mmCIF file of all heavy atoms, coordinates in Angstrom:
data_MODEL
# 
_entry.id   MODEL 
# 
loop_
_atom_site.group_PDB 
_atom_site.id 
_atom_site.type_symbol 
_atom_site.label_atom_id 
_atom_site.label_alt_id 
_atom_site.label_comp_id 
_atom_site.label_asym_id 
_atom_site.label_entity_id 
_atom_site.label_seq_id 
_atom_site.pdbx_PDB_ins_code 
_atom_site.Cartn_x 
_atom_site.Cartn_y 
_atom_site.Cartn_z 
_atom_site.occupancy 
_atom_site.B_iso_or_equiv 
_atom_site.pdbx_formal_charge 
_atom_site.auth_seq_id 
_atom_site.auth_comp_id 
_atom_site.auth_asym_id 
_atom_site.auth_atom_id 
_atom_site.pdbx_PDB_model_num 
ATOM 1   N N   . SER A 1 1  ? 4.571  -66.047 3.928  1.00 0.00 ? 1  SER A N   1 
ATOM 2   C CA  . SER A 1 1  ? 5.469  -65.073 4.445  1.00 0.00 ? 1  SER A CA  1 
ATOM 3   C C   . SER A 1 1  ? 4.876  -63.654 4.285  1.00 0.00 ? 1  SER A C   1 
ATOM 4   O O   . SER A 1 1  ? 5.199  -62.772 5.124  1.00 0.00 ? 1  SER A O   1 
ATOM 5   C CB  . SER A 1 1  ? 6.812  -65.096 3.631  1.00 0.00 ? 1  SER A CB  1 
ATOM 6   O OG  . SER A 1 1  ? 6.653  -64.613 2.307  1.00 0.00 ? 1  SER A OG  1 
ATOM 7   N N   . ILE A 1 2  ? 4.006  -63.472 3.308  1.00 0.00 ? 2  ILE A N   1 
ATOM 8   C CA  . ILE A 1 2  ? 3.311  -62.097 3.224  1.00 0.00 ? 2  ILE A CA  1 
ATOM 9   C C   . ILE A 1 2  ? 2.348  -61.842 4.357  1.00 0.00 ? 2  ILE A C   1 
ATOM 10  O O   . ILE A 1 2  ? 2.290  -60.795 4.844  1.00 0.00 ? 2  ILE A O   1 
ATOM 11  C CB  . ILE A 1 2  ? 2.597  -62.083 1.870  1.00 0.00 ? 2  ILE A CB  1 
ATOM 12  C CG1 . ILE A 1 2  ? 3.636  -62.030 0.697  1.00 0.00 ? 2  ILE A CG1 1 
ATOM 13  C CG2 . ILE A 1 2  ? 1.700  -60.784 1.799  1.00 0.00 ? 2  ILE A CG2 1 
ATOM 14  C CD1 . ILE A 1 2  ? 2.927  -62.013 -0.682 1.00 0.00 ? 2  ILE A CD1 1 
ATOM 15  N N   . GLN A 1 3  ? 1.725  -62.964 4.823  1.00 0.00 ? 3  GLN A N   1 
ATOM 16  C CA  . GLN A 1 3  ? 0.702  -62.738 5.904  1.00 0.00 ? 3  GLN A CA  1 
ATOM 17  C C   . GLN A 1 3  ? 1.447  -62.691 7.259  1.00 0.00 ? 3  GLN A C   1 
ATOM 18  O O   . GLN A 1 3  ? 0.934  -62.091 8.227  1.00 0.00 ? 3  GLN A O   1 
ATOM 19  C CB  . GLN A 1 3  ? -0.221 -63.937 5.915  1.00 0.00 ? 3  GLN A CB  1 
ATOM 20  C CG  . GLN A 1 3  ? -1.516 -63.756 6.760  1.00 0.00 ? 3  GLN A CG  1 
ATOM 21  C CD  . GLN A 1 3  ? -1.324 -63.900 8.276  1.00 0.00 ? 3  GLN A CD  1 
ATOM 22  O OE1 . GLN A 1 3  ? -0.466 -64.665 8.671  1.00 0.00 ? 3  GLN A OE1 1 
ATOM 23  N NE2 . GLN A 1 3  ? -2.088 -63.214 9.072  1.00 0.00 ? 3  GLN A NE2 1 
ATOM 24  N N   . LEU A 1 4  ? 2.659  -63.281 7.385  1.00 0.00 ? 4  LEU A N   1 
ATOM 25  C CA  . LEU A 1 4  ? 3.307  -63.426 8.661  1.00 0.00 ? 4  LEU A CA  1 
ATOM 26  C C   . LEU A 1 4  ? 3.436  -62.152 9.502  1.00 0.00 ? 4  LEU A C   1 
ATOM 27  O O   . LEU A 1 4  ? 3.214  -62.195 10.719 1.00 0.00 ? 4  LEU A O   1 
ATOM 28  C CB  . LEU A 1 4  ? 4.693  -64.081 8.433  1.00 0.00 ? 4  LEU A CB  1 
ATOM 29  C CG  . LEU A 1 4  ? 5.524  -64.373 9.686  1.00 0.00 ? 4  LEU A CG  1 
ATOM 30  C CD1 . LEU A 1 4  ? 4.782  -65.350 10.576 1.00 0.00 ? 4  LEU A CD1 1 
ATOM 31  C CD2 . LEU A 1 4  ? 6.914  -64.966 9.196  1.00 0.00 ? 4  LEU A CD2 1 
ATOM 32  N N   . PRO A 1 5  ? 3.854  -61.041 8.905  1.00 0.00 ? 5  PRO A N   1 
ATOM 33  C CA  . PRO A 1 5  ? 4.016  -59.766 9.691  1.00 0.00 ? 5  PRO A CA  1 
ATOM 34  C C   . PRO A 1 5  ? 2.691  -59.395 10.461 1.00 0.00 ? 5  PRO A C   1 
ATOM 35  O O   . PRO A 1 5  ? 2.747  -58.959 11.665 1.00 0.00 ? 5  PRO A O   1 
ATOM 36  C CB  . PRO A 1 5  ? 4.359  -58.759 8.662  1.00 0.00 ? 5  PRO A CB  1 
ATOM 37  C CG  . PRO A 1 5  ? 4.948  -59.454 7.585  1.00 0.00 ? 5  PRO A CG  1 
ATOM 38  C CD  . PRO A 1 5  ? 4.216  -60.732 7.559  1.00 0.00 ? 5  PRO A CD  1 
ATOM 39  N N   . PHE A 1 6  ? 1.551  -59.623 9.822  1.00 0.00 ? 6  PHE A N   1 
ATOM 40  C CA  . PHE A 1 6  ? 0.267  -59.225 10.504 1.00 0.00 ? 6  PHE A CA  1 
ATOM 41  C C   . PHE A 1 6  ? 0.096  -60.089 11.733 1.00 0.00 ? 6  PHE A C   1 
ATOM 42  O O   . PHE A 1 6  ? -0.372 -59.593 12.758 1.00 0.00 ? 6  PHE A O   1 
ATOM 43  C CB  . PHE A 1 6  ? -0.864 -59.496 9.517  1.00 0.00 ? 6  PHE A CB  1 
ATOM 44  C CG  . PHE A 1 6  ? -0.788 -58.643 8.241  1.00 0.00 ? 6  PHE A CG  1 
ATOM 45  C CD1 . PHE A 1 6  ? -0.345 -59.146 7.055  1.00 0.00 ? 6  PHE A CD1 1 
ATOM 46  C CD2 . PHE A 1 6  ? -1.182 -57.263 8.290  1.00 0.00 ? 6  PHE A CD2 1 
ATOM 47  C CE1 . PHE A 1 6  ? -0.264 -58.331 5.963  1.00 0.00 ? 6  PHE A CE1 1 
ATOM 48  C CE2 . PHE A 1 6  ? -1.143 -56.467 7.197  1.00 0.00 ? 6  PHE A CE2 1 
ATOM 49  C CZ  . PHE A 1 6  ? -0.652 -57.013 5.967  1.00 0.00 ? 6  PHE A CZ  1 
ATOM 50  N N   . THR A 1 7  ? 0.344  -61.370 11.572 1.00 0.00 ? 7  THR A N   1 
ATOM 51  C CA  . THR A 1 7  ? 0.195  -62.323 12.784 1.00 0.00 ? 7  THR A CA  1 
ATOM 52  C C   . THR A 1 7  ? 1.176  -61.963 13.874 1.00 0.00 ? 7  THR A C   1 
ATOM 53  O O   . THR A 1 7  ? 0.833  -61.955 15.044 1.00 0.00 ? 7  THR A O   1 
ATOM 54  C CB  . THR A 1 7  ? 0.389  -63.771 12.353 1.00 0.00 ? 7  THR A CB  1 
ATOM 55  O OG1 . THR A 1 7  ? -0.713 -64.127 11.413 1.00 0.00 ? 7  THR A OG1 1 
ATOM 56  C CG2 . THR A 1 7  ? 0.278  -64.698 13.507 1.00 0.00 ? 7  THR A CG2 1 
ATOM 57  N N   . VAL A 1 8  ? 2.424  -61.667 13.432 1.00 0.00 ? 8  VAL A N   1 
ATOM 58  C CA  . VAL A 1 8  ? 3.447  -61.326 14.483 1.00 0.00 ? 8  VAL A CA  1 
ATOM 59  C C   . VAL A 1 8  ? 3.149  -60.043 15.239 1.00 0.00 ? 8  VAL A C   1 
ATOM 60  O O   . VAL A 1 8  ? 3.255  -60.026 16.482 1.00 0.00 ? 8  VAL A O   1 
ATOM 61  C CB  . VAL A 1 8  ? 4.860  -61.235 13.787 1.00 0.00 ? 8  VAL A CB  1 
ATOM 62  C CG1 . VAL A 1 8  ? 5.878  -60.858 14.796 1.00 0.00 ? 8  VAL A CG1 1 
ATOM 63  C CG2 . VAL A 1 8  ? 5.286  -62.606 13.193 1.00 0.00 ? 8  VAL A CG2 1 
ATOM 64  N N   . PHE A 1 9  ? 2.829  -59.055 14.469 1.00 0.00 ? 9  PHE A N   1 
ATOM 65  C CA  . PHE A 1 9  ? 2.430  -57.726 15.127 1.00 0.00 ? 9  PHE A CA  1 
ATOM 66  C C   . PHE A 1 9  ? 1.307  -57.948 16.119 1.00 0.00 ? 9  PHE A C   1 
ATOM 67  O O   . PHE A 1 9  ? 1.207  -57.367 17.248 1.00 0.00 ? 9  PHE A O   1 
ATOM 68  C CB  . PHE A 1 9  ? 2.119  -56.627 14.131 1.00 0.00 ? 9  PHE A CB  1 
ATOM 69  C CG  . PHE A 1 9  ? 3.273  -55.977 13.510 1.00 0.00 ? 9  PHE A CG  1 
ATOM 70  C CD1 . PHE A 1 9  ? 3.580  -56.082 12.210 1.00 0.00 ? 9  PHE A CD1 1 
ATOM 71  C CD2 . PHE A 1 9  ? 4.124  -55.261 14.327 1.00 0.00 ? 9  PHE A CD2 1 
ATOM 72  C CE1 . PHE A 1 9  ? 4.659  -55.467 11.605 1.00 0.00 ? 9  PHE A CE1 1 
ATOM 73  C CE2 . PHE A 1 9  ? 5.274  -54.597 13.785 1.00 0.00 ? 9  PHE A CE2 1 
ATOM 74  C CZ  . PHE A 1 9  ? 5.534  -54.742 12.427 1.00 0.00 ? 9  PHE A CZ  1 
ATOM 75  N N   . LEU A 1 10 ? 0.256  -58.713 15.717 1.00 0.00 ? 10 LEU A N   1 
ATOM 76  C CA  . LEU A 1 10 ? -0.900 -59.017 16.548 1.00 0.00 ? 10 LEU A CA  1 
ATOM 77  C C   . LEU A 1 10 ? -0.395 -59.753 17.788 1.00 0.00 ? 10 LEU A C   1 
ATOM 78  O O   . LEU A 1 10 ? -0.776 -59.410 18.989 1.00 0.00 ? 10 LEU A O   1 
ATOM 79  C CB  . LEU A 1 10 ? -1.903 -59.850 15.800 1.00 0.00 ? 10 LEU A CB  1 
ATOM 80  C CG  . LEU A 1 10 ? -3.048 -60.404 16.657 1.00 0.00 ? 10 LEU A CG  1 
ATOM 81  C CD1 . LEU A 1 10 ? -4.008 -59.213 17.137 1.00 0.00 ? 10 LEU A CD1 1 
ATOM 82  C CD2 . LEU A 1 10 ? -3.913 -61.365 15.846 1.00 0.00 ? 10 LEU A CD2 1 
ATOM 83  N N   . GLN A 1 11 ? 0.384  -60.817 17.596 1.00 0.00 ? 11 GLN A N   1 
ATOM 84  C CA  . GLN A 1 11 ? 0.867  -61.648 18.735 1.00 0.00 ? 11 GLN A CA  1 
ATOM 85  C C   . GLN A 1 11 ? 1.721  -60.815 19.717 1.00 0.00 ? 11 GLN A C   1 
ATOM 86  O O   . GLN A 1 11 ? 1.468  -60.927 20.948 1.00 0.00 ? 11 GLN A O   1 
ATOM 87  C CB  . GLN A 1 11 ? 1.711  -62.805 18.141 1.00 0.00 ? 11 GLN A CB  1 
ATOM 88  C CG  . GLN A 1 11 ? 2.415  -63.720 19.220 1.00 0.00 ? 11 GLN A CG  1 
ATOM 89  C CD  . GLN A 1 11 ? 3.261  -64.736 18.578 1.00 0.00 ? 11 GLN A CD  1 
ATOM 90  O OE1 . GLN A 1 11 ? 2.871  -65.370 17.628 1.00 0.00 ? 11 GLN A OE1 1 
ATOM 91  N NE2 . GLN A 1 11 ? 4.495  -64.942 19.120 1.00 0.00 ? 11 GLN A NE2 1 
ATOM 92  N N   . VAL A 1 12 ? 2.662  -59.999 19.212 1.00 0.00 ? 12 VAL A N   1 
ATOM 93  C CA  . VAL A 1 12 ? 3.497  -59.271 20.085 1.00 0.00 ? 12 VAL A CA  1 
ATOM 94  C C   . VAL A 1 12 ? 2.701  -58.168 20.862 1.00 0.00 ? 12 VAL A C   1 
ATOM 95  O O   . VAL A 1 12 ? 3.021  -57.931 22.061 1.00 0.00 ? 12 VAL A O   1 
ATOM 96  C CB  . VAL A 1 12 ? 4.661  -58.666 19.285 1.00 0.00 ? 12 VAL A CB  1 
ATOM 97  C CG1 . VAL A 1 12 ? 5.562  -57.821 20.264 1.00 0.00 ? 12 VAL A CG1 1 
ATOM 98  C CG2 . VAL A 1 12 ? 5.431  -59.681 18.545 1.00 0.00 ? 12 VAL A CG2 1 
ATOM 99  N N   . GLY A 1 13 ? 1.780  -57.606 20.188 1.00 0.00 ? 13 GLY A N   1 
ATOM 100 C CA  . GLY A 1 13 ? 0.844  -56.629 20.895 1.00 0.00 ? 13 GLY A CA  1 
ATOM 101 C C   . GLY A 1 13 ? 0.139  -57.276 22.070 1.00 0.00 ? 13 GLY A C   1 
ATOM 102 O O   . GLY A 1 13 ? -0.014 -56.605 23.146 1.00 0.00 ? 13 GLY A O   1 
ATOM 103 N N   . LEU A 1 14 ? -0.267 -58.440 21.935 1.00 0.00 ? 14 LEU A N   1 
ATOM 104 C CA  . LEU A 1 14 ? -0.999 -59.203 22.928 1.00 0.00 ? 14 LEU A CA  1 
ATOM 105 C C   . LEU A 1 14 ? -0.058 -59.654 24.081 1.00 0.00 ? 14 LEU A C   1 
ATOM 106 O O   . LEU A 1 14 ? -0.368 -59.449 25.233 1.00 0.00 ? 14 LEU A O   1 
ATOM 107 C CB  . LEU A 1 14 ? -1.670 -60.389 22.417 1.00 0.00 ? 14 LEU A CB  1 
ATOM 108 C CG  . LEU A 1 14 ? -2.970 -60.108 21.500 1.00 0.00 ? 14 LEU A CG  1 
ATOM 109 C CD1 . LEU A 1 14 ? -3.380 -61.429 20.775 1.00 0.00 ? 14 LEU A CD1 1 
ATOM 110 C CD2 . LEU A 1 14 ? -4.090 -59.558 22.295 1.00 0.00 ? 14 LEU A CD2 1 
ATOM 111 N N   . THR A 1 15 ? 1.094  -60.237 23.725 1.00 0.00 ? 15 THR A N   1 
ATOM 112 C CA  . THR A 1 15 ? 2.041  -60.772 24.776 1.00 0.00 ? 15 THR A CA  1 
ATOM 113 C C   . THR A 1 15 ? 2.811  -59.626 25.420 1.00 0.00 ? 15 THR A C   1 
ATOM 114 O O   . THR A 1 15 ? 3.364  -59.884 26.456 1.00 0.00 ? 15 THR A O   1 
ATOM 115 C CB  . THR A 1 15 ? 2.985  -61.743 24.146 1.00 0.00 ? 15 THR A CB  1 
ATOM 116 O OG1 . THR A 1 15 ? 3.704  -61.136 23.077 1.00 0.00 ? 15 THR A OG1 1 
ATOM 117 C CG2 . THR A 1 15 ? 2.232  -62.964 23.658 1.00 0.00 ? 15 THR A CG2 1 
ATOM 118 N N   . SER A 1 16 ? 2.720  -58.414 24.891 1.00 0.00 ? 16 SER A N   1 
ATOM 119 C CA  . SER A 1 16 ? 3.435  -57.309 25.566 1.00 0.00 ? 16 SER A CA  1 
ATOM 120 C C   . SER A 1 16 ? 2.496  -56.470 26.527 1.00 0.00 ? 16 SER A C   1 
ATOM 121 O O   . SER A 1 16 ? 2.885  -55.681 27.170 1.00 0.00 ? 16 SER A O   1 
ATOM 122 C CB  . SER A 1 16 ? 4.026  -56.295 24.525 1.00 0.00 ? 16 SER A CB  1 
ATOM 123 O OG  . SER A 1 16 ? 4.977  -57.002 23.720 1.00 0.00 ? 16 SER A OG  1 
ATOM 124 N N   . SER A 1 17 ? 1.241  -56.849 26.403 1.00 0.00 ? 17 SER A N   1 
ATOM 125 C CA  . SER A 1 17 ? 0.176  -56.121 27.180 1.00 0.00 ? 17 SER A CA  1 
ATOM 126 C C   . SER A 1 17 ? 0.075  -56.708 28.599 1.00 0.00 ? 17 SER A C   1 
ATOM 127 O O   . SER A 1 17 ? -0.226 -57.892 28.754 1.00 0.00 ? 17 SER A O   1 
ATOM 128 C CB  . SER A 1 17 ? -1.185 -56.232 26.526 1.00 0.00 ? 17 SER A CB  1 
ATOM 129 O OG  . SER A 1 17 ? -2.220 -55.744 27.286 1.00 0.00 ? 17 SER A OG  1 
ATOM 130 N N   . LYS A 1 18 ? 0.149  -55.925 29.603 1.00 0.00 ? 18 LYS A N   1 
ATOM 131 C CA  . LYS A 1 18 ? -0.009 -56.338 30.957 1.00 0.00 ? 18 LYS A CA  1 
ATOM 132 C C   . LYS A 1 18 ? -1.467 -56.646 31.276 1.00 0.00 ? 18 LYS A C   1 
ATOM 133 O O   . LYS A 1 18 ? -1.809 -57.468 32.100 1.00 0.00 ? 18 LYS A O   1 
ATOM 134 C CB  . LYS A 1 18 ? 0.526  -55.309 31.904 1.00 0.00 ? 18 LYS A CB  1 
ATOM 135 C CG  . LYS A 1 18 ? 2.041  -55.135 31.940 1.00 0.00 ? 18 LYS A CG  1 
ATOM 136 C CD  . LYS A 1 18 ? 2.565  -54.275 33.058 1.00 0.00 ? 18 LYS A CD  1 
ATOM 137 C CE  . LYS A 1 18 ? 4.085  -54.310 33.067 1.00 0.00 ? 18 LYS A CE  1 
ATOM 138 N NZ  . LYS A 1 18 ? 4.654  -53.391 34.119 1.00 0.00 ? 18 LYS A NZ  1 
ATOM 139 N N   . ARG A 1 19 ? -2.352 -56.002 30.526 1.00 0.00 ? 19 ARG A N   1 
ATOM 140 C CA  . ARG A 1 19 ? -3.830 -56.315 30.629 1.00 0.00 ? 19 ARG A CA  1 
ATOM 141 C C   . ARG A 1 19 ? -4.069 -57.719 30.209 1.00 0.00 ? 19 ARG A C   1 
ATOM 142 O O   . ARG A 1 19 ? -4.942 -58.406 30.802 1.00 0.00 ? 19 ARG A O   1 
ATOM 143 C CB  . ARG A 1 19 ? -4.589 -55.359 29.798 1.00 0.00 ? 19 ARG A CB  1 
ATOM 144 C CG  . ARG A 1 19 ? -6.069 -55.489 29.896 1.00 0.00 ? 19 ARG A CG  1 
ATOM 145 C CD  . ARG A 1 19 ? -6.795 -54.344 29.259 1.00 0.00 ? 19 ARG A CD  1 
ATOM 146 N NE  . ARG A 1 19 ? -6.753 -54.436 27.824 1.00 0.00 ? 19 ARG A NE  1 
ATOM 147 C CZ  . ARG A 1 19 ? -7.716 -54.990 27.022 1.00 0.00 ? 19 ARG A CZ  1 
ATOM 148 N NH1 . ARG A 1 19 ? -8.828 -55.446 27.575 1.00 0.00 ? 19 ARG A NH1 1 
ATOM 149 N NH2 . ARG A 1 19 ? -7.633 -54.945 25.752 1.00 0.00 ? 19 ARG A NH2 1 
ATOM 150 N N   . VAL A 1 20 ? -3.271 -58.291 29.277 1.00 0.00 ? 20 VAL A N   1 
ATOM 151 C CA  . VAL A 1 20 ? -3.486 -59.635 28.824 1.00 0.00 ? 20 VAL A CA  1 
ATOM 152 C C   . VAL A 1 20 ? -2.673 -60.579 29.617 1.00 0.00 ? 20 VAL A C   1 
ATOM 153 O O   . VAL A 1 20 ? -3.128 -61.660 30.040 1.00 0.00 ? 20 VAL A O   1 
ATOM 154 C CB  . VAL A 1 20 ? -3.140 -59.760 27.304 1.00 0.00 ? 20 VAL A CB  1 
ATOM 155 C CG1 . VAL A 1 20 ? -3.330 -61.151 26.830 1.00 0.00 ? 20 VAL A CG1 1 
ATOM 156 C CG2 . VAL A 1 20 ? -3.978 -58.805 26.433 1.00 0.00 ? 20 VAL A CG2 1 
ATOM 157 N N   . MET A 1 21 ? -1.345 -60.279 29.783 1.00 0.00 ? 21 MET A N   1 
ATOM 158 C CA  . MET A 1 21 ? -0.423 -61.224 30.366 1.00 0.00 ? 21 MET A CA  1 
ATOM 159 C C   . MET A 1 21 ? -0.077 -61.034 31.828 1.00 0.00 ? 21 MET A C   1 
ATOM 160 O O   . MET A 1 21 ? 0.536  -61.851 32.411 1.00 0.00 ? 21 MET A O   1 
ATOM 161 C CB  . MET A 1 21 ? 0.870  -61.169 29.521 1.00 0.00 ? 21 MET A CB  1 
ATOM 162 C CG  . MET A 1 21 ? 0.692  -61.503 28.069 1.00 0.00 ? 21 MET A CG  1 
ATOM 163 S SD  . MET A 1 21 ? 0.361  -63.278 27.778 1.00 0.00 ? 21 MET A SD  1 
ATOM 164 C CE  . MET A 1 21 ? 1.996  -63.960 28.135 1.00 0.00 ? 21 MET A CE  1 
ATOM 165 N N   . GLY A 1 22 ? -0.532 -59.873 32.398 1.00 0.00 ? 22 GLY A N   1 
ATOM 166 C CA  . GLY A 1 22 ? -0.228 -59.573 33.732 1.00 0.00 ? 22 GLY A CA  1 
ATOM 167 C C   . GLY A 1 22 ? 1.285  -59.456 33.966 1.00 0.00 ? 22 GLY A C   1 
ATOM 168 O O   . GLY A 1 22 ? 2.028  -58.841 33.096 1.00 0.00 ? 22 GLY A O   1 
ATOM 169 N N   . LYS A 1 23 ? 1.798  -60.088 35.016 1.00 0.00 ? 23 LYS A N   1 
ATOM 170 C CA  . LYS A 1 23 ? 3.202  -60.042 35.284 1.00 0.00 ? 23 LYS A CA  1 
ATOM 171 C C   . LYS A 1 23 ? 4.127  -60.843 34.295 1.00 0.00 ? 23 LYS A C   1 
ATOM 172 O O   . LYS A 1 23 ? 5.323  -60.765 34.366 1.00 0.00 ? 23 LYS A O   1 
ATOM 173 C CB  . LYS A 1 23 ? 3.527  -60.393 36.699 1.00 0.00 ? 23 LYS A CB  1 
ATOM 174 C CG  . LYS A 1 23 ? 3.140  -61.897 37.078 1.00 0.00 ? 23 LYS A CG  1 
ATOM 175 C CD  . LYS A 1 23 ? 3.413  -62.194 38.479 1.00 0.00 ? 23 LYS A CD  1 
ATOM 176 C CE  . LYS A 1 23 ? 2.931  -63.637 38.874 1.00 0.00 ? 23 LYS A CE  1 
ATOM 177 N NZ  . LYS A 1 23 ? 3.139  -63.925 40.273 1.00 0.00 ? 23 LYS A NZ  1 
ATOM 178 N N   . TYR A 1 24 ? 3.427  -61.617 33.400 1.00 0.00 ? 24 TYR A N   1 
ATOM 179 C CA  . TYR A 1 24 ? 4.209  -62.381 32.502 1.00 0.00 ? 24 TYR A CA  1 
ATOM 180 C C   . TYR A 1 24 ? 4.286  -61.729 31.135 1.00 0.00 ? 24 TYR A C   1 
ATOM 181 O O   . TYR A 1 24 ? 4.739  -62.386 30.168 1.00 0.00 ? 24 TYR A O   1 
ATOM 182 C CB  . TYR A 1 24 ? 3.462  -63.822 32.285 1.00 0.00 ? 24 TYR A CB  1 
ATOM 183 C CG  . TYR A 1 24 ? 3.513  -64.628 33.530 1.00 0.00 ? 24 TYR A CG  1 
ATOM 184 C CD1 . TYR A 1 24 ? 2.360  -64.783 34.305 1.00 0.00 ? 24 TYR A CD1 1 
ATOM 185 C CD2 . TYR A 1 24 ? 4.677  -65.329 33.982 1.00 0.00 ? 24 TYR A CD2 1 
ATOM 186 C CE1 . TYR A 1 24 ? 2.343  -65.492 35.473 1.00 0.00 ? 24 TYR A CE1 1 
ATOM 187 C CE2 . TYR A 1 24 ? 4.664  -66.067 35.103 1.00 0.00 ? 24 TYR A CE2 1 
ATOM 188 C CZ  . TYR A 1 24 ? 3.480  -66.228 35.850 1.00 0.00 ? 24 TYR A CZ  1 
ATOM 189 O OH  . TYR A 1 24 ? 3.445  -66.969 36.908 1.00 0.00 ? 24 TYR A OH  1 
ATOM 190 N N   . ALA A 1 25 ? 3.919  -60.402 31.030 1.00 0.00 ? 25 ALA A N   1 
ATOM 191 C CA  . ALA A 1 25 ? 4.083  -59.687 29.800 1.00 0.00 ? 25 ALA A CA  1 
ATOM 192 C C   . ALA A 1 25 ? 5.495  -59.639 29.370 1.00 0.00 ? 25 ALA A C   1 
ATOM 193 O O   . ALA A 1 25 ? 6.438  -59.721 30.240 1.00 0.00 ? 25 ALA A O   1 
ATOM 194 C CB  . ALA A 1 25 ? 3.446  -58.273 30.050 1.00 0.00 ? 25 ALA A CB  1 
ATOM 195 N N   . ASN A 1 26 ? 5.728  -59.435 28.047 1.00 0.00 ? 26 ASN A N   1 
ATOM 196 C CA  . ASN A 1 26 ? 7.060  -59.339 27.470 1.00 0.00 ? 26 ASN A CA  1 
ATOM 197 C C   . ASN A 1 26 ? 7.904  -58.240 28.154 1.00 0.00 ? 26 ASN A C   1 
ATOM 198 O O   . ASN A 1 26 ? 7.354  -57.144 28.466 1.00 0.00 ? 26 ASN A O   1 
ATOM 199 C CB  . ASN A 1 26 ? 6.992  -59.079 26.004 1.00 0.00 ? 26 ASN A CB  1 
ATOM 200 C CG  . ASN A 1 26 ? 6.368  -60.159 25.204 1.00 0.00 ? 26 ASN A CG  1 
ATOM 201 O OD1 . ASN A 1 26 ? 6.410  -61.314 25.647 1.00 0.00 ? 26 ASN A OD1 1 
ATOM 202 N ND2 . ASN A 1 26 ? 5.764  -59.811 24.076 1.00 0.00 ? 26 ASN A ND2 1 
ATOM 203 N N   . SER A 1 27 ? 9.124  -58.526 28.377 1.00 0.00 ? 27 SER A N   1 
ATOM 204 C CA  . SER A 1 27 ? 10.040 -57.398 28.826 1.00 0.00 ? 27 SER A CA  1 
ATOM 205 C C   . SER A 1 27 ? 10.270 -56.480 27.616 1.00 0.00 ? 27 SER A C   1 
ATOM 206 O O   . SER A 1 27 ? 9.909  -56.819 26.447 1.00 0.00 ? 27 SER A O   1 
ATOM 207 C CB  . SER A 1 27 ? 11.352 -58.016 29.294 1.00 0.00 ? 27 SER A CB  1 
ATOM 208 O OG  . SER A 1 27 ? 12.070 -58.683 28.230 1.00 0.00 ? 27 SER A OG  1 
# 
């Protein structure tokens, strides 16, 4: 649980990026 925030912030940063996800980026 201590490590979890680091993984989540990384994951959300990637999935929110249009450079990574294109039109499928997070709303």
